[in-house]
Amino acid sequence: MSQTDSRVAVYTGSFDPVTLGHLNVIERASRLVDRLIVGIGVHAGKDPLFTPDERVELVRRTTRPFANVEVQKFSGLAVHFVRQCGARVMIRGVRPLTDLETEITMMMANRQLDPGLETVVLLADAEFAHVSSSLIKQIAPIAGDDELARFVPPEVITELRRKMGKPRSD
């Protein structure tokens, strides 16, 4: 299969930090396409916990089991990044239904920016419907490692502790 024949999709987000919900979407999306590119968005207006390079490294480490997944950072419009990757499909993960309204608005805007781009929405599995990077940043300073392990991969717990200056707790 040539590069132009392969099914390529891009899943964009800030992944600050990557959660089990993100990994659930990545795993499921990776089964739908030949190549899945996870795009780590770099937004000037945001104040992330992890640098773009740290986020890329965390996503790379946690997605190693998925042979057809690669990770890149980008800035600017996601639709431009998707096209730079040679893809026509953008993956979006949706948690609660309240996310759906925002995603539909974004999907409509993206279609105006690039009518040839399709968006595939994957609903989060029920066990991850409440997990967000914002939630992780809120609870990490007060939660134990066993509690955080319900929301993020072990590699993320280690890095959260390093960033927040709190030792591991078992």
Protein backbone atom coordinates (compact mmCIF):
# COMPACT_ATOMS: atom_id res chain seq x y z
CA MET A 1 0.00 0.00 0.00
CA SER A 2 1.50 3.34 -1.00
CA GLN A 3 1.59 6.37 1.27
CA THR A 4 -1.22 7.97 -0.75
CA ASP A 5 -3.39 4.86 -0.42
CA SER A 6 -2.92 4.47 3.32
CA ARG A 7 -5.57 5.57 5.75
CA VAL A 8 -4.01 8.31 7.89
CA ALA A 9 -5.81 10.11 10.70
CA VAL A 10 -4.73 12.77 13.16
CA TYR A 11 -5.85 13.11 16.78
CA THR A 12 -5.05 16.57 18.11
CA GLY A 13 -5.13 17.97 21.62
CA SER A 14 -3.01 19.52 24.33
CA PHE A 15 -2.54 16.27 26.30
CA ASP A 16 -1.43 18.19 29.41
CA PRO A 17 -1.11 15.52 30.71
CA VAL A 18 -2.13 12.49 28.67
CA THR A 19 -4.85 10.52 30.47
CA LEU A 20 -6.25 7.01 30.29
CA GLY A 21 -9.18 8.53 28.41
CA HIS A 22 -6.81 9.87 25.75
CA LEU A 23 -5.12 6.46 25.53
CA ASN A 24 -8.51 4.79 25.14
CA VAL A 25 -9.28 7.00 22.13
CA ILE A 26 -5.77 6.50 20.71
CA GLU A 27 -6.02 2.72 21.00
CA ARG A 28 -9.45 2.59 19.37
CA ALA A 29 -8.54 5.07 16.62
CA SER A 30 -5.32 3.18 15.86
CA ARG A 31 -7.43 0.13 14.98
CA LEU A 32 -9.40 2.14 12.41
CA VAL A 33 -6.49 3.49 10.38
CA ASP A 34 -3.13 2.44 8.99
CA ARG A 35 -1.33 5.36 10.62
CA LEU A 36 -2.46 7.56 13.51
CA ILE A 37 -0.63 10.77 14.25
CA VAL A 38 -1.16 12.29 17.68
CA GLY A 39 -0.71 16.04 17.35
CA ILE A 40 0.35 17.87 20.50
CA GLY A 41 -0.96 21.41 20.15
CA VAL A 42 1.24 24.30 21.24
CA HIS A 43 -0.95 27.28 22.09
CA ALA A 44 0.65 30.59 23.02
CA GLY A 45 -2.29 31.65 25.21
CA LYS A 46 -2.25 28.58 27.45
CA ASP A 47 -0.10 28.03 30.53
CA PRO A 48 0.52 24.26 30.45
CA LEU A 49 1.92 22.18 33.28
CA PHE A 50 4.19 20.26 30.91
CA THR A 51 6.28 21.76 28.12
CA PRO A 52 5.42 20.70 24.56
CA ASP A 53 8.51 18.46 24.44
CA GLU A 54 7.58 16.83 27.77
CA ARG A 55 4.05 16.17 26.50
CA VAL A 56 5.40 14.66 23.29
CA GLU A 57 7.70 12.38 25.29
CA LEU A 58 4.91 11.30 27.69
CA VAL A 59 2.55 10.50 24.82
CA ARG A 60 5.31 8.61 22.99
CA ARG A 61 6.11 6.53 26.07
CA THR A 62 2.47 5.71 26.75
CA THR A 63 1.64 4.84 23.13
CA ARG A 64 4.60 2.51 22.50
CA PRO A 65 2.31 -0.55 22.40
CA PHE A 66 0.57 0.86 19.31
CA ALA A 67 2.91 0.28 16.37
CA ASN A 68 1.05 2.57 13.96
CA VAL A 69 0.97 5.62 16.27
CA GLU A 70 3.40 8.49 16.02
CA VAL A 71 3.53 11.74 17.98
CA GLN A 72 4.34 15.24 16.74
CA LYS A 73 3.88 18.73 18.09
CA PHE A 74 2.33 21.54 16.09
CA SER A 75 1.23 25.13 16.37
CA GLY A 76 -1.44 26.95 14.43
CA LEU A 77 -4.69 25.58 13.11
CA ALA A 78 -5.29 21.87 13.56
CA VAL A 79 -6.75 21.60 10.04
CA HIS A 80 -3.45 22.84 8.59
CA PHE A 81 -1.52 20.30 10.67
CA VAL A 82 -3.82 17.49 9.55
CA ARG A 83 -3.19 18.37 5.91
CA GLN A 84 0.59 18.69 6.49
CA CYS A 85 0.46 15.12 7.77
CA GLY A 86 -1.14 13.97 4.52
CA ALA A 87 -4.40 13.11 6.27
CA ARG A 88 -8.03 13.83 5.46
CA VAL A 89 -9.41 12.56 8.77
CA MET A 90 -9.32 14.23 12.16
CA ILE A 91 -10.13 12.16 15.25
CA ARG A 92 -11.87 13.82 18.18
CA GLY A 93 -12.54 12.23 21.54
CA VAL A 94 -15.71 13.25 23.35
CA ARG A 95 -16.34 12.68 27.03
CA PRO A 96 -19.70 13.84 28.35
CA LEU A 97 -22.44 15.06 26.04
CA THR A 98 -21.57 18.63 27.00
CA ASP A 99 -18.35 18.20 24.97
CA LEU A 100 -20.41 17.31 21.92
CA GLU A 101 -21.76 20.84 21.44
CA THR A 102 -18.24 22.28 21.42
CA GLU A 103 -17.00 19.55 19.09
CA ILE A 104 -19.85 20.07 16.62
CA THR A 105 -19.07 23.80 16.51
CA MET A 106 -15.39 23.03 15.91
CA MET A 107 -16.27 20.40 13.31
CA MET A 108 -18.39 22.91 11.38
CA ALA A 109 -15.62 25.53 11.51
CA ASN A 110 -13.05 22.97 10.35
CA ARG A 111 -15.26 21.98 7.41
CA GLN A 112 -15.49 25.64 6.37
CA LEU A 113 -11.69 25.95 6.62
CA ASP A 114 -11.14 22.68 4.72
CA PRO A 115 -14.22 21.04 3.16
CA GLY A 116 -12.18 17.93 2.26
CA LEU A 117 -11.42 17.16 5.90
CA GLU A 118 -13.66 14.73 7.77
CA THR A 119 -13.96 14.53 11.54
CA VAL A 120 -14.56 11.21 13.27
CA VAL A 121 -15.83 11.49 16.82
CA LEU A 122 -15.15 8.67 19.25
CA LEU A 123 -17.15 8.68 22.46
CA ALA A 124 -15.07 7.95 25.51
CA ASP A 125 -15.70 4.61 27.17
CA ALA A 126 -17.96 5.12 30.20
CA GLU A 127 -15.14 4.54 32.68
CA PHE A 128 -13.25 7.54 31.22
CA ALA A 129 -16.17 9.90 30.56
CA HIS A 130 -15.28 12.10 33.53
CA VAL A 131 -11.48 12.12 33.09
CA SER A 132 -9.85 15.31 31.85
CA SER A 133 -6.38 16.79 32.03
CA SER A 134 -7.84 19.67 34.06
CA LEU A 135 -9.21 17.22 36.62
CA ILE A 136 -5.81 15.54 36.89
CA LYS A 137 -4.06 18.85 37.57
CA GLN A 138 -6.63 19.66 40.27
CA ILE A 139 -6.45 16.36 42.14
CA ALA A 140 -2.76 15.46 41.67
CA PRO A 141 -1.51 17.54 44.61
CA ILE A 142 -3.89 15.81 47.03
CA ALA A 143 -4.45 12.35 45.55
CA GLY A 144 -2.37 9.28 46.25
CA ASP A 145 -0.65 7.38 43.46
CA ASP A 146 -3.19 4.57 43.62
CA GLU A 147 -5.97 7.12 43.10
CA LEU A 148 -4.18 8.83 40.21
CA ALA A 149 -3.62 5.43 38.59
CA ARG A 150 -7.36 5.31 37.92
CA PHE A 151 -6.97 8.29 35.59
CA VAL A 152 -3.44 8.37 34.15
CA PRO A 153 -0.71 5.92 33.12
CA PRO A 154 2.08 5.21 35.67
CA GLU A 155 4.61 7.24 33.64
CA VAL A 156 2.41 10.29 34.05
CA ILE A 157 2.15 9.85 37.82
CA THR A 158 5.94 9.91 38.11
CA GLU A 159 6.17 13.07 36.01
CA LEU A 160 3.29 14.77 37.85
CA ARG A 161 5.07 14.14 41.13
CA ARG A 162 8.31 15.52 39.73
CA LYS A 163 6.58 18.63 38.40
CA MET A 164 4.60 19.27 41.56
CA GLY A 165 7.42 18.44 43.93
CA LYS A 166 5.46 15.74 45.76
CA PRO A 167 7.01 12.30 46.35
CA ARG A 168 5.26 9.13 45.26
CA SER A 169 2.74 7.76 47.73
CA ASP A 170 1.58 4.17 47.75
